[in-house]
Amino acid sequence: MKIIVVGIGKVGYTVADQLSNEMHDVTIVDTNEKVLTSALNSLDVIAVGGNGASRQVLTEAGVEDSDLVIALTGSDEINLLCCLLATKLGANGTIARVRNREYNEDIRLIKDSLGLSMAINPEKEAAEEILRILKYPSAKNIDTFAKGKINIVSFSATANCNLCGKAVKDSFSGLKARALACAVERGSDIFIPFGDSVIEENDVVAVLVAPDETPSFFREIGLPVNSVKKTMIIGGGKIAHYLATEMCRLNMDTTIIESNPQTADNLSYLLPKANVICGDGTNRALLMEEGLRDASAICCLTGFDEENLILSLFAKKVVPDIKTIAKINRTAFNEVVRSLDIGSVIYPKFITASQILQHVRAKKNNIGSNVETLYKIIDNKVEALEFHVSEESELVSTSLEELQLRSNVIIGSINRKGNVFIPRGKDTLQVGDSVVVVTTIQGLSDLDDIKKD
């Protein structure tokens, strides 16, 4: 597909990188020549300098025969204008990043009026992911499929975890909660486990489990299930605003510490149920004064990765059982970050990139059994995809035990007319099913791609 990405900041660069890795023809547009030069040195893309909301610039980028234009600049207005103009000039689809809360309230109207294929809000999506994680303190990350009926939950197999030292077929068959181990990270190795695979201490394990069975699953394997009662949020940016809004709606005890007086005043006005403190969130005395020792969770959402990491480590030292969530933007030292005891890590740019990749793969393959949902899990090296099973699929009506699948692929769950279940060997795929596939293979766009050649 021919794709134009306008705005090469953190999110735009990540999206362009992943799209070019999937062999799409990518053209990037930005007003900053240094940014374009840097991207050209590391990505397989074409670069055009200029304002993406300019007809001349879009025409130079080849908008008239493009399959998709993705506007990811720092300005919502430029993104919307870019998409409107691109549609008028012949683009076959448009995606705009829209971050303003006021626009977000009317996003359906805006999307329909401008003919957008998709509108994305990285901060809102990040806040929703954090909220899911806060529901289950033992989880590192949680992704949702089948319209909320099945989760992929990642967690660390600590010393108290009953799964350690046992084969998957033995440990999971004895559980009352229906769950399926679908990916394991062990040091630098990541693999799809099968029956004889043994879970070791400190493995990061991803399992498919229904939301209502997640607490009982954690209880059975010996990991904490206590609900979060008091949460501290450090940093009062957009993610914090979206997150605190939902937490207050759920009557969760929420404290926000923000250093900017104007931002703190604004949050205090908009969130009367929250305890908003104007102060330095990295000040140890302030953290202790505001009740860090009594907190169940701390969300470190400042604009600086280093502060978020240090705050998470400090919170763990003061309260060993506290749930910590850190927002990270840069991935240059990802291996170091993952080796630290900082609980959950949120990468907003990867959340956005996954949403866009999901749309692109579905658009690329709009005839076959295409992608409905896509998440990248376990350090972005494993893909969990939800496919719709079409009449054309070669996998229909063959039992799973008879299917010849590629290595490092597992069919994790089936949604059949609203009934979601973890399949066994005798089960078959039927037309109309939605199927969750977990794999270390990158770039799948059709369900039939999981078959051996």
Protein backbone atom coordinates (compact mmCIF):
# COMPACT_ATOMS: atom_id res chain seq x y z
CA MET A 1 0.00 0.00 0.00
CA LYS A 2 1.05 3.60 -0.63
CA ILE A 3 0.88 5.46 2.69
CA ILE A 4 1.70 9.07 3.58
CA VAL A 5 2.60 9.89 7.20
CA VAL A 6 2.38 13.59 8.08
CA GLY A 7 4.22 14.66 11.25
CA ILE A 8 7.35 12.72 12.22
CA GLY A 9 7.48 13.12 15.97
CA LYS A 10 7.74 10.17 18.37
CA VAL A 11 4.45 8.63 17.20
CA GLY A 12 4.90 9.46 13.52
CA TYR A 13 8.39 7.98 13.43
CA THR A 14 7.23 4.77 15.12
CA VAL A 15 4.30 4.40 12.71
CA ALA A 16 6.48 5.04 9.65
CA ASP A 17 9.06 2.55 10.93
CA GLN A 18 6.56 -0.25 11.47
CA LEU A 19 4.73 0.38 8.19
CA SER A 20 7.98 0.37 6.19
CA ASN A 21 9.02 -2.84 7.95
CA GLU A 22 5.81 -4.40 6.65
CA MET A 23 6.89 -3.48 3.11
CA HIS A 24 4.47 -0.62 2.48
CA ASP A 25 5.53 2.32 0.31
CA VAL A 26 5.81 5.06 2.93
CA THR A 27 6.24 8.79 2.29
CA ILE A 28 6.88 11.01 5.30
CA VAL A 29 6.06 14.73 5.49
CA ASP A 30 7.34 17.22 8.05
CA THR A 31 8.29 20.89 8.25
CA ASN A 32 11.55 20.09 10.07
CA GLU A 33 14.34 19.24 7.63
CA LYS A 34 16.57 17.80 10.39
CA VAL A 35 13.81 15.38 11.41
CA LEU A 36 13.38 14.26 7.80
CA THR A 37 17.12 13.78 7.30
CA SER A 38 17.37 11.71 10.48
CA ALA A 39 14.42 9.55 9.41
CA LEU A 40 15.86 9.03 5.92
CA ASN A 41 19.09 7.75 7.48
CA SER A 42 17.31 5.03 9.43
CA LEU A 43 14.05 4.23 7.60
CA ASP A 44 13.20 2.93 4.13
CA VAL A 45 10.94 5.86 3.23
CA ILE A 46 10.60 8.84 0.87
CA ALA A 47 10.65 12.29 2.49
CA VAL A 48 8.87 15.50 1.49
CA GLY A 49 9.51 18.74 3.35
CA GLY A 50 6.68 21.15 4.07
CA ASN A 51 3.29 21.67 5.70
CA GLY A 52 1.12 18.57 5.43
CA ALA A 53 -2.00 20.73 5.27
CA SER A 54 -0.75 22.31 2.04
CA ARG A 55 -2.19 21.17 -1.27
CA GLN A 56 1.18 21.59 -2.97
CA VAL A 57 3.01 19.48 -0.39
CA LEU A 58 0.39 16.72 -0.40
CA THR A 59 0.44 16.64 -4.19
CA GLU A 60 4.23 16.34 -4.17
CA ALA A 61 3.87 13.42 -1.72
CA GLY A 62 1.56 11.65 -4.18
CA VAL A 63 -1.75 12.04 -2.39
CA GLU A 64 -3.87 11.54 -5.52
CA ASP A 65 -3.06 7.82 -5.73
CA SER A 66 -2.37 7.12 -2.04
CA ASP A 67 -4.16 4.35 -0.16
CA LEU A 68 -3.93 6.12 3.19
CA VAL A 69 -2.88 9.46 4.67
CA ILE A 70 -2.05 9.49 8.40
CA ALA A 71 -1.85 12.92 10.07
CA LEU A 72 0.10 12.82 13.35
CA THR A 73 1.35 16.38 13.85
CA GLY A 74 1.15 18.08 17.24
CA SER A 75 -1.84 20.16 16.10
CA ASP A 76 -5.33 18.64 15.96
CA GLU A 77 -6.46 21.37 13.59
CA ILE A 78 -3.64 20.73 11.12
CA ASN A 79 -4.33 16.98 11.30
CA LEU A 80 -8.02 17.46 10.53
CA LEU A 81 -7.35 19.96 7.74
CA CYS A 82 -4.71 17.66 6.27
CA CYS A 83 -7.16 14.75 6.19
CA LEU A 84 -9.96 16.86 4.72
CA LEU A 85 -7.68 18.14 1.97
CA ALA A 86 -6.23 14.67 1.32
CA THR A 87 -9.73 13.24 0.84
CA LYS A 88 -10.61 16.01 -1.61
CA LEU A 89 -7.38 15.37 -3.53
CA GLY A 90 -8.08 11.65 -3.96
CA ALA A 91 -6.67 9.80 -0.94
CA ASN A 92 -8.42 6.48 -0.43
CA GLY A 93 -8.45 6.78 3.38
CA THR A 94 -7.38 9.12 6.18
CA ILE A 95 -6.43 8.82 9.86
CA ALA A 96 -6.09 11.83 12.17
CA ARG A 97 -4.64 12.14 15.64
CA VAL A 98 -7.09 14.19 17.72
CA ARG A 99 -5.99 14.86 21.31
CA ASN A 100 -8.09 17.82 22.47
CA ARG A 101 -10.72 16.73 25.00
CA GLU A 102 -13.25 19.19 23.58
CA TYR A 103 -12.90 17.70 20.11
CA ASN A 104 -12.97 14.20 21.56
CA GLU A 105 -16.51 14.73 22.85
CA ASP A 106 -17.70 15.31 19.26
CA ILE A 107 -15.33 12.88 17.58
CA ARG A 108 -18.08 10.86 15.86
CA LEU A 109 -19.54 13.98 14.29
CA ILE A 110 -16.08 15.18 13.24
CA LYS A 111 -15.19 11.78 11.81
CA ASP A 112 -18.39 11.52 9.78
CA SER A 113 -18.30 15.14 8.59
CA LEU A 114 -14.69 14.97 7.39
CA GLY A 115 -14.87 11.42 6.06
CA LEU A 116 -12.12 10.15 8.36
CA SER A 117 -11.39 6.43 8.25
CA MET A 118 -10.19 6.63 11.85
CA ALA A 119 -9.55 9.16 14.62
CA ILE A 120 -7.03 8.23 17.29
CA ASN A 121 -6.20 9.71 20.67
CA PRO A 122 -2.95 8.22 22.08
CA GLU A 123 -3.39 9.78 25.52
CA LYS A 124 -6.95 8.51 25.92
CA GLU A 125 -5.94 5.01 24.81
CA ALA A 126 -2.98 5.03 27.22
CA ALA A 127 -5.27 6.09 30.08
CA GLU A 128 -7.69 3.26 29.28
CA GLU A 129 -4.83 0.74 29.32
CA ILE A 130 -3.60 2.06 32.68
CA LEU A 131 -7.11 1.77 34.10
CA ARG A 132 -7.32 -1.88 32.98
CA ILE A 133 -3.97 -2.61 34.66
CA LEU A 134 -5.07 -0.97 37.92
CA LYS A 135 -7.98 -3.41 38.14
CA TYR A 136 -5.52 -6.33 38.45
CA PRO A 137 -2.45 -5.41 40.57
CA SER A 138 -0.50 -8.52 39.52
CA ALA A 139 -0.81 -7.72 35.81
CA LYS A 140 1.95 -5.98 33.88
CA ASN A 141 -0.25 -5.33 30.85
CA ILE A 142 -3.79 -6.15 29.74
CA ASP A 143 -5.23 -6.16 26.22
CA THR A 144 -8.88 -6.82 25.40
CA PHE A 145 -10.47 -8.84 22.58
CA ALA A 146 -13.92 -10.07 21.53
CA LYS A 147 -15.60 -6.82 22.59
CA GLY A 148 -14.29 -7.12 26.14
CA LYS A 149 -15.05 -10.83 26.61
CA ILE A 150 -11.46 -12.10 26.64
CA ASN A 151 -8.20 -10.57 27.89
CA ILE A 152 -4.54 -11.22 27.28
CA VAL A 153 -2.91 -10.61 30.65
CA SER A 154 0.88 -10.44 31.11
CA PHE A 155 2.45 -11.01 34.54
CA SER A 156 5.76 -11.92 36.16
CA ALA A 157 6.07 -15.46 37.50
CA THR A 158 7.55 -14.53 40.87
CA ALA A 159 8.79 -16.97 43.50
CA ASN A 160 5.29 -17.27 45.02
CA CYS A 161 3.70 -18.17 41.65
CA ASN A 162 2.37 -21.75 41.66
CA LEU A 163 3.14 -22.14 37.94
CA CYS A 164 6.93 -22.08 38.43
CA GLY A 165 8.73 -25.34 37.77
CA LYS A 166 5.71 -27.03 36.20
CA ALA A 167 4.82 -27.97 32.64
CA VAL A 168 2.05 -25.83 31.15
CA LYS A 169 -0.19 -28.85 30.50
CA ASP A 170 -0.01 -29.85 34.18
CA SER A 171 -0.32 -26.45 35.84
CA PHE A 172 -3.11 -25.06 33.66
CA SER A 173 -5.21 -28.23 33.45
CA GLY A 174 -5.68 -28.13 37.23
CA LEU A 175 -7.02 -24.57 37.31
CA LYS A 176 -10.71 -23.82 37.78
CA ALA A 177 -10.31 -20.58 35.83
CA ARG A 178 -10.25 -21.18 32.09
CA ALA A 179 -6.89 -19.82 30.93
CA LEU A 180 -4.34 -20.51 28.20
CA ALA A 181 -0.64 -19.63 28.28
CA CYS A 182 0.08 -18.00 24.92
CA ALA A 183 3.53 -16.36 25.20
CA VAL A 184 6.57 -16.42 27.48
CA GLU A 185 9.52 -14.05 27.80
CA ARG A 186 12.61 -15.55 29.44
CA GLY A 187 15.55 -13.19 29.50
CA SER A 188 16.08 -12.19 25.87
CA ASP A 189 14.12 -15.19 24.53
CA ILE A 190 10.43 -15.01 23.64
CA PHE A 191 8.45 -18.09 22.61
CA ILE A 192 4.97 -19.54 22.25
CA PRO A 193 4.60 -22.24 24.96
CA PHE A 194 3.11 -25.66 24.38
CA GLY A 195 2.09 -28.46 26.72
CA ASP A 196 5.59 -29.58 27.69
CA SER A 197 6.94 -26.04 28.17
CA VAL A 198 7.96 -25.32 31.78
CA ILE A 199 7.35 -21.92 33.40
CA GLU A 200 10.43 -20.69 35.28
CA GLU A 201 10.77 -18.10 38.02
CA ASN A 202 10.98 -14.51 36.66
CA ASP A 203 9.42 -15.47 33.32
CA VAL A 204 6.97 -12.93 31.93
CA VAL A 205 3.91 -14.96 30.96
CA ALA A 206 0.97 -13.87 28.79
CA VAL A 207 -2.31 -15.75 29.24
CA LEU A 208 -5.72 -15.61 27.61
CA VAL A 209 -8.43 -15.45 30.27
CA ALA A 210 -11.97 -14.08 30.58
CA PRO A 211 -12.22 -10.78 32.53
CA ASP A 212 -14.58 -12.25 35.14
CA GLU A 213 -12.17 -15.16 35.72
CA THR A 214 -9.00 -13.05 35.92
CA PRO A 215 -9.15 -12.48 39.72
CA SER A 216 -9.71 -16.18 40.42
CA PHE A 217 -6.88 -17.07 38.01
CA PHE A 218 -4.41 -14.88 39.89
CA ARG A 219 -5.70 -16.21 43.22
CA GLU A 220 -5.20 -19.84 42.10
CA ILE A 221 -1.62 -19.26 40.95
CA GLY A 222 -0.72 -17.48 44.19
CA LEU A 223 -0.42 -13.86 43.02
CA PRO A 224 -2.07 -10.84 44.72
CA VAL A 225 -5.60 -9.87 43.73
CA ASN A 226 -6.26 -7.01 46.15
CA SER A 227 -8.02 -4.13 44.44
CA VAL A 228 -6.36 -0.72 44.21
CA LYS A 229 -7.83 1.61 46.84
CA LYS A 230 -5.66 4.73 46.73
CA THR A 231 -3.72 5.87 43.67
CA MET A 232 -1.16 8.64 43.28
CA ILE A 233 -0.67 10.18 39.82
CA ILE A 234 2.55 12.13 39.28
CA GLY A 235 2.18 14.59 36.40
CA GLY A 236 -1.00 16.32 35.28
CA GLY A 237 -0.84 16.02 31.49
CA LYS A 238 -3.46 14.69 29.08
CA ILE A 239 -3.05 11.03 30.09
CA ALA A 240 -3.41 11.94 33.77
CA HIS A 241 -6.52 13.98 32.99
CA TYR A 242 -8.23 11.16 31.08
CA LEU A 243 -7.18 8.60 33.72
CA ALA A 244 -8.27 10.65 36.73
CA THR A 245 -11.62 11.43 35.09
CA GLU A 246 -12.42 7.72 34.84
CA MET A 247 -11.04 6.96 38.31
CA CYS A 248 -13.20 9.66 39.88
CA ARG A 249 -16.21 8.33 37.98
CA LEU A 250 -15.50 4.94 39.58
CA ASN A 251 -15.12 6.61 43.01
CA MET A 252 -11.46 5.62 43.32
CA ASP A 253 -9.35 7.61 45.80
CA THR A 254 -7.13 9.70 43.50
CA THR A 255 -4.31 12.16 44.25
CA ILE A 256 -2.63 14.12 41.43
CA ILE A 257 0.66 15.97 41.93
CA GLU A 258 1.40 18.56 39.21
CA SER A 259 4.18 21.16 39.28
CA ASN A 260 2.58 23.73 36.96
CA PRO A 261 0.22 25.99 39.00
CA GLN A 262 -2.08 26.76 36.06
CA THR A 263 -2.40 23.10 35.08
CA ALA A 264 -3.00 22.12 38.72
CA ASP A 265 -5.73 24.77 39.10
CA ASN A 266 -7.39 23.60 35.89
CA LEU A 267 -7.36 19.95 37.02
CA SER A 268 -8.70 20.93 40.44
CA TYR A 269 -11.62 22.72 38.76
CA LEU A 270 -12.36 19.91 36.29
CA LEU A 271 -11.91 17.07 38.82
CA PRO A 272 -13.54 18.13 42.10
CA LYS A 273 -13.46 14.54 43.42
CA ALA A 274 -9.68 14.29 43.02
CA ASN A 275 -7.09 15.58 45.48
CA VAL A 276 -4.95 17.86 43.27
CA ILE A 277 -1.64 19.06 44.74
CA CYS A 278 0.53 21.74 43.13
CA GLY A 279 4.09 20.67 43.81
CA ASP A 280 7.17 18.79 42.65
CA GLY A 281 6.28 15.13 42.26
CA THR A 282 9.95 14.18 42.58
CA ASN A 283 10.14 15.75 46.05
CA ARG A 284 10.52 12.88 48.50
CA ALA A 285 9.09 14.83 51.45
CA LEU A 286 6.01 15.85 49.44
CA LEU A 287 5.36 12.27 48.34
CA MET A 288 5.52 11.05 51.92
CA GLU A 289 3.37 13.92 53.16
CA GLU A 290 0.67 13.13 50.59
CA GLY A 291 0.49 9.50 51.68
CA LEU A 292 2.78 7.42 49.48
CA ARG A 293 3.05 4.78 52.23
CA ASP A 294 -0.74 4.33 52.16
CA ALA A 295 -1.05 4.20 48.36
CA SER A 296 -1.98 0.99 46.55
CA ALA A 297 -0.66 2.27 43.22
CA ILE A 298 1.40 5.07 41.72
CA CYS A 299 1.21 6.19 38.08
CA CYS A 300 4.32 8.10 37.00
CA LEU A 301 3.18 10.18 34.03
CA THR A 302 5.56 13.15 33.88
CA GLY A 303 7.05 14.28 30.58
CA PHE A 304 10.46 12.83 31.47
CA ASP A 305 11.21 9.11 31.19
CA GLU A 306 14.02 9.35 33.75
CA GLU A 307 11.74 10.88 36.38
CA ASN A 308 9.09 8.23 35.79
CA LEU A 309 11.62 5.42 36.19
CA ILE A 310 13.23 6.87 39.33
CA LEU A 311 9.83 7.58 40.91
CA SER A 312 8.70 4.00 40.24
CA LEU A 313 11.87 2.57 41.79
CA PHE A 314 11.58 4.88 44.79
CA ALA A 315 7.93 3.94 45.34
CA LYS A 316 8.85 0.23 45.24
CA LYS A 317 11.56 0.83 47.84
CA VAL A 318 9.17 2.65 50.19
CA VAL A 319 6.18 0.34 49.60
CA PRO A 320 7.37 -3.03 48.17
CA ASP A 321 3.84 -4.20 47.33
CA ILE A 322 2.76 -0.99 45.57
CA LYS A 323 1.56 -1.23 41.96
CA THR A 324 3.76 1.01 39.79
CA ILE A 325 3.02 2.19 36.26
CA ALA A 326 5.54 4.30 34.33
CA LYS A 327 4.98 6.13 31.05
CA ILE A 328 7.98 5.81 28.74
CA ASN A 329 8.42 7.55 25.38
CA ARG A 330 11.92 6.52 24.32
CA THR A 331 12.88 2.90 23.64
CA ALA A 332 16.65 3.20 23.14
CA PHE A 333 17.33 1.54 26.52
CA ASN A 334 14.33 -0.77 26.53
CA GLU A 335 16.29 -3.81 27.72
CA VAL A 336 17.53 -1.89 30.75
CA VAL A 337 14.02 -0.64 31.52
CA ARG A 338 12.58 -4.15 31.35
CA SER A 339 15.26 -5.47 33.72
CA LEU A 340 14.22 -3.02 36.45
CA ASP A 341 11.60 -3.79 39.07
CA ILE A 342 9.20 -1.03 38.02
CA GLY A 343 5.98 -2.95 37.48
CA SER A 344 4.11 -1.92 34.33
CA VAL A 345 5.46 0.26 31.53
CA ILE A 346 3.22 2.15 29.11
CA TYR A 347 4.42 3.25 25.67
CA PRO A 348 1.76 5.61 24.19
CA LYS A 349 3.39 5.65 20.77
CA PHE A 350 3.23 1.85 20.49
CA ILE A 351 -0.44 1.85 21.46
CA THR A 352 -1.12 4.28 18.61
CA ALA A 353 1.06 2.38 16.15
CA SER A 354 -0.78 -0.88 16.92
CA GLN A 355 -4.14 0.76 16.22
CA ILE A 356 -2.91 2.09 12.90
CA LEU A 357 -1.33 -1.24 11.91
CA GLN A 358 -4.61 -2.98 12.70
CA HIS A 359 -6.45 -0.60 10.35
CA VAL A 360 -3.81 -0.93 7.61
CA ARG A 361 -3.83 -4.73 7.66
CA ALA A 362 -7.62 -4.84 7.56
CA LYS A 363 -7.65 -2.37 4.66
CA LYS A 364 -4.95 -4.31 2.84
CA ASN A 365 -6.96 -7.51 3.03
CA ASN A 366 -10.61 -6.47 2.91
CA ILE A 367 -11.77 -9.62 1.15
CA GLY A 368 -10.37 -12.48 3.23
CA SER A 369 -10.39 -13.24 6.96
CA ASN A 370 -9.03 -9.88 7.96
CA VAL A 371 -7.67 -8.36 11.17
CA GLU A 372 -10.28 -6.97 13.57
CA THR A 373 -7.99 -6.24 16.53
CA LEU A 374 -4.21 -6.09 16.89
CA TYR A 375 -1.99 -5.70 19.93
CA LYS A 376 1.76 -6.02 20.25
CA ILE A 377 2.66 -7.63 23.57
CA ILE A 378 5.78 -8.71 25.48
CA ASP A 379 8.22 -5.96 24.51
CA ASN A 380 6.43 -5.47 21.17
CA LYS A 381 7.85 -8.79 19.91
CA VAL A 382 4.65 -10.84 20.01
CA GLU A 383 1.48 -10.05 18.08
CA ALA A 384 -2.00 -10.92 19.30
CA LEU A 385 -4.50 -10.60 16.47
CA GLU A 386 -8.24 -11.08 16.25
CA PHE A 387 -9.39 -12.37 12.84
CA HIS A 388 -12.86 -12.66 11.36
CA VAL A 389 -13.33 -16.09 9.75
CA SER A 390 -14.69 -15.68 6.22
CA GLU A 391 -16.17 -18.22 3.81
CA GLU A 392 -12.95 -18.13 1.78
CA SER A 393 -10.77 -19.34 4.67
CA GLU A 394 -9.03 -22.67 4.12
CA LEU A 395 -9.16 -23.38 7.86
CA VAL A 396 -12.95 -23.71 8.13
CA SER A 397 -14.39 -27.03 9.41
CA THR A 398 -11.01 -28.67 10.06
CA SER A 399 -10.30 -29.65 13.67
CA LEU A 400 -7.49 -27.69 15.28
CA GLU A 401 -5.47 -30.83 15.97
CA GLU A 402 -5.47 -31.58 12.23
CA LEU A 403 -4.45 -28.09 11.13
CA GLN A 404 -0.86 -27.77 9.97
CA LEU A 405 0.13 -24.43 11.52
CA ARG A 406 3.38 -22.53 11.25
CA SER A 407 5.71 -22.73 14.24
CA ASN A 408 5.31 -20.13 17.00
CA VAL A 409 1.59 -19.72 16.33
CA ILE A 410 -1.26 -20.56 18.69
CA ILE A 411 -5.03 -20.18 18.29
CA GLY A 412 -6.01 -18.82 21.69
CA SER A 413 -9.76 -18.26 21.68
CA ILE A 414 -12.87 -18.40 19.51
CA ASN A 415 -15.82 -16.04 19.68
CA ARG A 416 -18.85 -17.80 18.18
CA LYS A 417 -22.03 -15.70 18.18
CA GLY A 418 -21.03 -14.00 21.42
CA ASN A 419 -19.90 -17.19 23.17
CA VAL A 420 -16.15 -16.94 23.79
CA PHE A 421 -14.19 -20.10 24.62
CA ILE A 422 -10.64 -21.44 24.66
CA PRO A 423 -10.59 -24.17 21.99
CA ARG A 424 -9.34 -27.72 22.32
CA GLY A 425 -7.95 -30.05 19.67
CA LYS A 426 -11.34 -31.36 18.50
CA ASP A 427 -12.82 -27.88 18.01
CA THR A 428 -13.17 -26.41 14.51
CA LEU A 429 -13.36 -22.90 13.07
CA GLN A 430 -16.69 -21.86 11.57
CA VAL A 431 -17.63 -19.06 9.19
CA GLY A 432 -18.45 -15.92 11.19
CA ASP A 433 -16.21 -16.80 14.14
CA SER A 434 -13.74 -14.29 15.54
CA VAL A 435 -10.43 -15.96 16.39
CA VAL A 436 -7.56 -14.68 18.55
CA VAL A 437 -4.16 -15.77 17.25
CA VAL A 438 -0.92 -15.18 19.19
CA THR A 439 2.38 -15.38 17.31
CA THR A 440 5.97 -14.18 17.18
CA ILE A 441 5.59 -13.85 13.39
CA GLN A 442 5.26 -10.20 12.41
CA GLY A 443 2.96 -8.83 9.71
CA LEU A 444 0.12 -11.37 9.45
CA SER A 445 -2.88 -9.83 7.67
CA ASP A 446 -5.04 -12.90 6.92
CA LEU A 447 -6.06 -15.88 9.06
CA ASP A 448 -4.84 -18.28 6.38
CA ASP A 449 -1.32 -16.86 6.83
CA ILE A 450 -0.94 -19.06 9.93
CA LYS A 451 -0.94 -22.24 7.81
CA LYS A 452 2.28 -23.97 6.92
CA ASP A 453 3.34 -23.29 3.31
